[in-house]
Amino acid sequence: MKKDAGVLQLGDVSIFVVSDGTFWLDGGTMFGIVPKVLWSRLAPPDEENRIELGLNCLLVRSPGNTTLIDAGIGRDYSPKMKKIYRLDDRTNLMIELHRLGVKPEDVTRVVLTHVHFDHCGWCTRNVGGRWVPTFPKARHVVQTIEWADAFHPNELTRGGYMSERVAPLKEHGLLDLVNGETDLGDGIVVIPTPAHARGHQSVKISAGGQTVFCPGDIIPTRHHVRLPYIMAYDRDPEGIVQLKSSILRDAIAQKWIIFFTHDAQVPLARVEANGKGNAVATALE
């Protein structure tokens, strides 16, 4: 693997971290049963108990495709919503893609770990009061069960979805629903990890003898590699622990690079055992 000027080079596959800025969520919600006296040492909260989180996406350029993994939170929100989430407007996904010379029509595939609003925000944009696809030539890959849940939420899941923002993907024929583990080609495989949301999927990118693993909201930041550190948003806490144990075991044994969607400082890291039953994430040099 070669890392150069913000690029991970895995054989003939180039991987870039692209940021949609940062937002802030309640720290207690992000760490669940972990007491504030512990998590606040890792992620200092503001005066409203919110912690800063990254909105990280990956751009994967292979000989056949330009793939975006997750699509940030977007920017078509009311001033009230922007204030609630302390949404950072200094940069966004579209600025980052432009910096890399990538136009919306260049993106051929968007792989969504799930369709919570902070992961699919740029899939569409508001034009004259209508939501239209941002990436008009891209196939958008989602697990079938996740798509169904986005349009039929319950009282617990309703706040995570803004289905009107992704509905145009189906209307414009840009939606690829998959069921279970699926090889998308170019070394990219999606793997069901149904604990944060029922249809959540992780993404594994393998090329040149190396692997980058994107666990999405199963392990949202480097701090969440600790097994008990799970979010109150997670639908299946025990399932999260089991999934994390399996992912981290493979990551340590096979020297994977882990991509953290919501880490504001460390989007890419390797993990190793600390000898005390936990894993430790070390930023990629």
Protein backbone atom coordinates (compact mmCIF):
# COMPACT_ATOMS: atom_id res chain seq x y z
CA MET A 1 0.00 0.00 0.00
CA LYS A 2 1.18 3.51 -0.82
CA LYS A 3 -0.09 6.60 0.98
CA ASP A 4 0.76 9.86 -0.75
CA ALA A 5 -0.72 13.35 -0.52
CA GLY A 6 -3.95 12.14 1.04
CA VAL A 7 -4.25 9.15 -1.29
CA LEU A 8 -4.27 5.49 -0.36
CA GLN A 9 -3.01 3.51 -3.34
CA LEU A 10 -4.09 -0.13 -3.25
CA GLY A 11 -2.81 -1.63 -6.48
CA ASP A 12 -4.70 0.16 -9.26
CA VAL A 13 -7.32 1.52 -6.85
CA SER A 14 -6.95 5.04 -5.42
CA ILE A 15 -8.83 5.94 -2.24
CA PHE A 16 -9.42 9.49 -0.99
CA VAL A 17 -11.06 10.69 2.22
CA VAL A 18 -13.54 13.43 1.33
CA SER A 19 -15.17 15.48 4.08
CA ASP A 20 -18.64 16.95 4.27
CA GLY A 21 -17.47 19.02 7.23
CA THR A 22 -18.51 18.35 10.81
CA PHE A 23 -21.65 18.34 12.91
CA TRP A 24 -22.37 17.99 16.62
CA LEU A 25 -24.51 15.40 18.42
CA ASP A 26 -25.29 14.76 22.07
CA GLY A 27 -22.30 13.03 23.64
CA GLY A 28 -24.36 10.83 25.92
CA THR A 29 -26.31 9.53 22.95
CA MET A 30 -23.10 8.78 21.08
CA PHE A 31 -21.68 6.71 23.95
CA GLY A 32 -24.79 5.06 25.37
CA ILE A 33 -24.24 3.47 28.78
CA VAL A 34 -20.69 4.84 29.17
CA PRO A 35 -20.61 7.51 31.92
CA LYS A 36 -19.86 11.08 30.91
CA VAL A 37 -16.85 11.18 33.21
CA LEU A 38 -15.25 8.60 30.88
CA TRP A 39 -16.37 9.62 27.39
CA SER A 40 -15.81 13.34 27.98
CA ARG A 41 -12.08 12.68 28.34
CA LEU A 42 -12.08 11.40 24.78
CA ALA A 43 -14.59 13.79 23.22
CA PRO A 44 -15.00 17.06 25.17
CA PRO A 45 -18.60 18.34 24.93
CA ASP A 46 -19.76 21.89 24.31
CA GLU A 47 -22.10 23.80 26.63
CA GLU A 48 -25.08 21.86 25.24
CA ASN A 49 -23.40 18.47 25.82
CA ARG A 50 -22.74 17.98 22.09
CA ILE A 51 -19.52 16.54 20.69
CA GLU A 52 -17.90 17.26 17.33
CA LEU A 53 -18.23 14.51 14.75
CA GLY A 54 -16.85 14.14 11.25
CA LEU A 55 -18.93 13.63 8.13
CA ASN A 56 -16.37 11.54 6.29
CA CYS A 57 -16.90 9.81 2.96
CA LEU A 58 -14.58 7.82 0.71
CA LEU A 59 -13.94 8.35 -2.98
CA VAL A 60 -12.69 5.18 -4.66
CA ARG A 61 -11.24 5.53 -8.16
CA SER A 62 -10.66 2.28 -10.04
CA PRO A 63 -10.08 1.65 -13.76
CA GLY A 64 -13.80 1.03 -14.26
CA ASN A 65 -15.58 3.26 -11.79
CA THR A 66 -15.59 6.32 -9.59
CA THR A 67 -17.33 5.22 -6.41
CA LEU A 68 -18.48 7.33 -3.49
CA ILE A 69 -19.02 5.57 -0.17
CA ASP A 70 -21.64 7.47 1.81
CA ALA A 71 -22.72 10.97 0.83
CA GLY A 72 -22.55 13.12 3.92
CA ILE A 73 -25.33 15.20 5.42
CA GLY A 74 -25.87 17.67 2.59
CA ARG A 75 -26.61 21.38 3.04
CA ASP A 76 -30.27 22.00 2.18
CA TYR A 77 -31.42 22.59 5.75
CA SER A 78 -33.21 25.36 7.57
CA PRO A 79 -31.22 27.75 9.78
CA LYS A 80 -32.85 26.02 12.78
CA MET A 81 -31.56 22.59 11.72
CA LYS A 82 -28.10 23.97 11.04
CA LYS A 83 -28.05 25.48 14.52
CA ILE A 84 -29.23 22.27 16.21
CA TYR A 85 -26.41 20.28 14.62
CA ARG A 86 -23.79 23.09 14.58
CA LEU A 87 -23.35 22.22 10.92
CA ASP A 88 -19.97 23.42 9.65
CA ASP A 89 -20.26 25.32 6.37
CA ARG A 90 -16.54 25.90 5.85
CA THR A 91 -16.34 22.91 3.54
CA ASN A 92 -18.64 20.26 2.14
CA LEU A 93 -18.58 17.15 0.00
CA MET A 94 -19.08 18.99 -3.27
CA ILE A 95 -16.18 21.34 -2.57
CA GLU A 96 -13.98 18.36 -1.74
CA LEU A 97 -14.92 16.51 -4.91
CA HIS A 98 -14.28 19.63 -6.99
CA ARG A 99 -10.85 19.93 -5.37
CA LEU A 100 -10.10 16.44 -6.67
CA GLY A 101 -11.34 17.28 -10.14
CA VAL A 102 -14.47 15.14 -9.81
CA LYS A 103 -17.73 16.46 -11.23
CA PRO A 104 -21.10 15.05 -10.09
CA GLU A 105 -21.58 13.36 -13.46
CA ASP A 106 -18.21 11.61 -13.08
CA VAL A 107 -19.46 9.53 -10.14
CA THR A 108 -20.64 6.16 -11.42
CA ARG A 109 -21.62 4.53 -8.12
CA VAL A 110 -22.70 5.62 -4.63
CA VAL A 111 -22.60 2.93 -1.94
CA LEU A 112 -24.62 3.86 1.14
CA THR A 113 -23.92 2.09 4.42
CA HIS A 114 -27.49 3.09 5.29
CA VAL A 115 -29.85 5.94 4.50
CA HIS A 116 -29.89 7.91 7.73
CA PHE A 117 -29.87 11.58 6.77
CA ASP A 118 -26.23 12.14 7.76
CA HIS A 119 -25.04 9.46 5.32
CA CYS A 120 -27.10 10.19 2.20
CA GLY A 121 -27.50 13.97 2.32
CA TRP A 122 -25.84 14.74 -1.01
CA CYS A 123 -27.63 11.98 -2.93
CA THR A 124 -30.10 14.68 -3.91
CA ARG A 125 -30.27 18.47 -3.89
CA ASN A 126 -33.15 20.89 -3.80
CA VAL A 127 -33.74 22.65 -7.10
CA GLY A 128 -36.74 24.97 -7.24
CA GLY A 129 -38.44 23.13 -4.38
CA ARG A 130 -37.89 19.67 -5.91
CA TRP A 131 -35.38 17.05 -4.85
CA VAL A 132 -33.27 15.87 -7.80
CA PRO A 133 -30.33 13.44 -7.94
CA THR A 134 -26.93 15.06 -7.41
CA PHE A 135 -25.04 12.29 -9.20
CA PRO A 136 -27.14 11.72 -12.33
CA LYS A 137 -25.11 8.83 -13.75
CA ALA A 138 -24.46 6.93 -10.51
CA ARG A 139 -26.00 3.66 -9.40
CA HIS A 140 -26.94 3.98 -5.72
CA VAL A 141 -26.43 0.73 -3.78
CA VAL A 142 -28.62 0.11 -0.71
CA GLN A 143 -29.76 -3.02 1.11
CA THR A 144 -33.41 -3.80 0.30
CA ILE A 145 -34.45 -3.92 3.97
CA GLU A 146 -32.85 -0.54 4.64
CA TRP A 147 -34.76 1.07 1.79
CA ALA A 148 -38.01 -0.38 3.13
CA ASP A 149 -37.29 0.85 6.66
CA ALA A 150 -36.56 4.36 5.39
CA PHE A 151 -40.10 4.61 4.02
CA HIS A 152 -41.81 2.74 6.87
CA PRO A 153 -40.08 3.95 10.05
CA ASN A 154 -41.41 3.40 13.55
CA GLU A 155 -41.38 5.67 16.58
CA LEU A 156 -37.78 4.77 17.40
CA THR A 157 -36.32 5.03 13.89
CA ARG A 158 -38.30 7.94 12.46
CA GLY A 159 -35.80 10.64 13.40
CA GLY A 160 -32.97 9.09 11.40
CA TYR A 161 -34.65 9.10 8.00
CA MET A 162 -35.63 11.84 5.57
CA SER A 163 -37.11 9.61 2.90
CA GLU A 164 -38.20 12.46 0.65
CA ARG A 165 -34.52 13.16 0.00
CA VAL A 166 -33.77 9.69 -1.36
CA ALA A 167 -37.09 8.91 -3.09
CA PRO A 168 -35.89 10.54 -6.36
CA LEU A 169 -33.19 7.88 -6.69
CA LYS A 170 -35.88 5.30 -7.42
CA GLU A 171 -37.97 7.71 -9.46
CA HIS A 172 -34.99 8.40 -11.75
CA GLY A 173 -34.01 4.74 -12.07
CA LEU A 174 -30.73 5.16 -10.17
CA LEU A 175 -31.39 2.73 -7.32
CA ASP A 176 -29.75 -0.70 -7.01
CA LEU A 177 -31.23 -2.70 -4.14
CA VAL A 178 -29.15 -5.65 -2.95
CA ASN A 179 -29.89 -8.50 -0.59
CA GLY A 180 -27.08 -9.68 1.64
CA GLU A 181 -23.38 -9.80 0.86
CA THR A 182 -22.77 -8.58 -2.68
CA ASP A 183 -19.62 -8.26 -4.77
CA LEU A 184 -19.87 -4.99 -6.68
CA GLY A 185 -16.66 -5.48 -8.62
CA ASP A 186 -13.49 -3.37 -8.47
CA GLY A 187 -12.62 -5.12 -5.20
CA ILE A 188 -15.66 -3.66 -3.40
CA VAL A 189 -17.93 -5.95 -1.40
CA VAL A 190 -20.91 -4.89 0.73
CA ILE A 191 -21.57 -6.96 3.85
CA PRO A 192 -24.75 -6.80 5.94
CA THR A 193 -24.06 -5.55 9.47
CA PRO A 194 -27.62 -5.19 10.78
CA ALA A 195 -27.37 -3.76 14.27
CA HIS A 196 -27.24 0.02 14.03
CA ALA A 197 -30.08 -0.19 11.52
CA ARG A 198 -31.70 -3.39 10.24
CA GLY A 199 -30.41 -2.76 6.73
CA HIS A 200 -27.00 -1.34 7.62
CA GLN A 201 -24.12 -2.61 5.47
CA SER A 202 -20.36 -2.32 5.80
CA VAL A 203 -18.06 -1.94 2.82
CA LYS A 204 -14.85 -3.86 2.23
CA ILE A 205 -12.38 -2.61 -0.38
CA SER A 206 -9.56 -4.99 -1.31
CA ALA A 207 -6.85 -4.45 -3.89
CA GLY A 208 -3.10 -4.82 -4.16
CA GLY A 209 -3.06 -7.26 -1.24
CA GLN A 210 -4.51 -4.65 1.15
CA THR A 211 -7.94 -3.99 2.62
CA VAL A 212 -9.79 -0.87 3.73
CA PHE A 213 -12.86 -1.69 5.79
CA CYS A 214 -15.72 0.78 6.26
CA PRO A 215 -17.91 -0.29 9.20
CA GLY A 216 -20.16 2.76 8.94
CA ASP A 217 -22.02 3.40 12.17
CA ILE A 218 -21.05 0.05 13.68
CA ILE A 219 -17.76 1.73 14.67
CA PRO A 220 -18.35 5.45 14.00
CA THR A 221 -15.15 6.82 15.61
CA ARG A 222 -11.84 5.51 16.87
CA HIS A 223 -13.17 5.76 20.41
CA HIS A 224 -15.88 3.23 19.60
CA VAL A 225 -13.41 0.40 19.08
CA ARG A 226 -13.94 -0.24 22.81
CA LEU A 227 -16.62 -2.92 22.88
CA PRO A 228 -18.97 -1.32 25.46
CA TYR A 229 -18.81 2.07 23.69
CA ILE A 230 -21.97 1.88 21.59
CA MET A 231 -24.50 4.50 20.57
CA ALA A 232 -28.00 4.91 21.98
CA TYR A 233 -29.06 5.14 18.33
CA ASP A 234 -28.17 1.47 17.77
CA ARG A 235 -31.21 -0.79 17.38
CA ASP A 236 -29.42 -3.91 18.61
CA PRO A 237 -26.74 -3.14 21.23
CA GLU A 238 -25.75 -6.76 21.77
CA GLY A 239 -25.52 -7.24 18.02
CA ILE A 240 -23.18 -4.24 17.80
CA VAL A 241 -20.84 -5.81 20.35
CA GLN A 242 -20.77 -9.09 18.43
CA LEU A 243 -20.19 -7.36 15.11
CA LYS A 244 -17.43 -5.17 16.51
CA SER A 245 -15.70 -8.19 18.05
CA SER A 246 -15.72 -9.99 14.70
CA ILE A 247 -14.64 -6.96 12.65
CA LEU A 248 -11.83 -6.00 15.01
CA ARG A 249 -10.57 -9.58 15.24
CA ASP A 250 -10.24 -9.73 11.45
CA ALA A 251 -8.85 -6.20 11.24
CA ILE A 252 -6.08 -7.00 13.71
CA ALA A 253 -5.23 -10.39 12.21
CA GLN A 254 -5.27 -9.19 8.60
CA LYS A 255 -3.92 -5.66 9.20
CA TRP A 256 -6.90 -3.90 7.68
CA ILE A 257 -7.19 -0.13 7.55
CA ILE A 258 -10.40 0.98 9.25
CA PHE A 259 -12.33 4.00 7.99
CA PHE A 260 -14.26 5.94 10.63
CA THR A 261 -17.23 7.82 9.20
CA HIS A 262 -17.72 10.15 12.15
CA ASP A 263 -14.25 10.72 13.57
CA ALA A 264 -13.47 14.42 13.21
CA GLN A 265 -9.71 13.93 13.65
CA VAL A 266 -8.81 10.38 12.57
CA PRO A 267 -10.71 9.03 9.55
CA LEU A 268 -8.24 6.21 8.82
CA ALA A 269 -6.50 3.96 11.34
CA ARG A 270 -5.08 0.55 12.03
CA VAL A 271 -6.18 -1.34 15.11
CA GLU A 272 -4.28 -3.61 17.44
CA ALA A 273 -5.02 -5.46 20.66
CA ASN A 274 -3.97 -3.67 23.85
CA GLY A 275 -3.59 -6.82 25.92
CA LYS A 276 -6.53 -5.88 28.15
CA GLY A 277 -9.34 -7.28 26.04
CA ASN A 278 -9.82 -4.12 23.99
CA ALA A 279 -8.60 -2.81 20.67
CA VAL A 280 -6.71 0.45 20.16
CA ALA A 281 -6.88 2.53 16.99
CA THR A 282 -3.75 4.26 15.74
CA ALA A 283 -4.00 6.97 13.09
CA LEU A 284 -2.59 6.01 9.72
CA GLU A 285 0.73 7.74 9.15
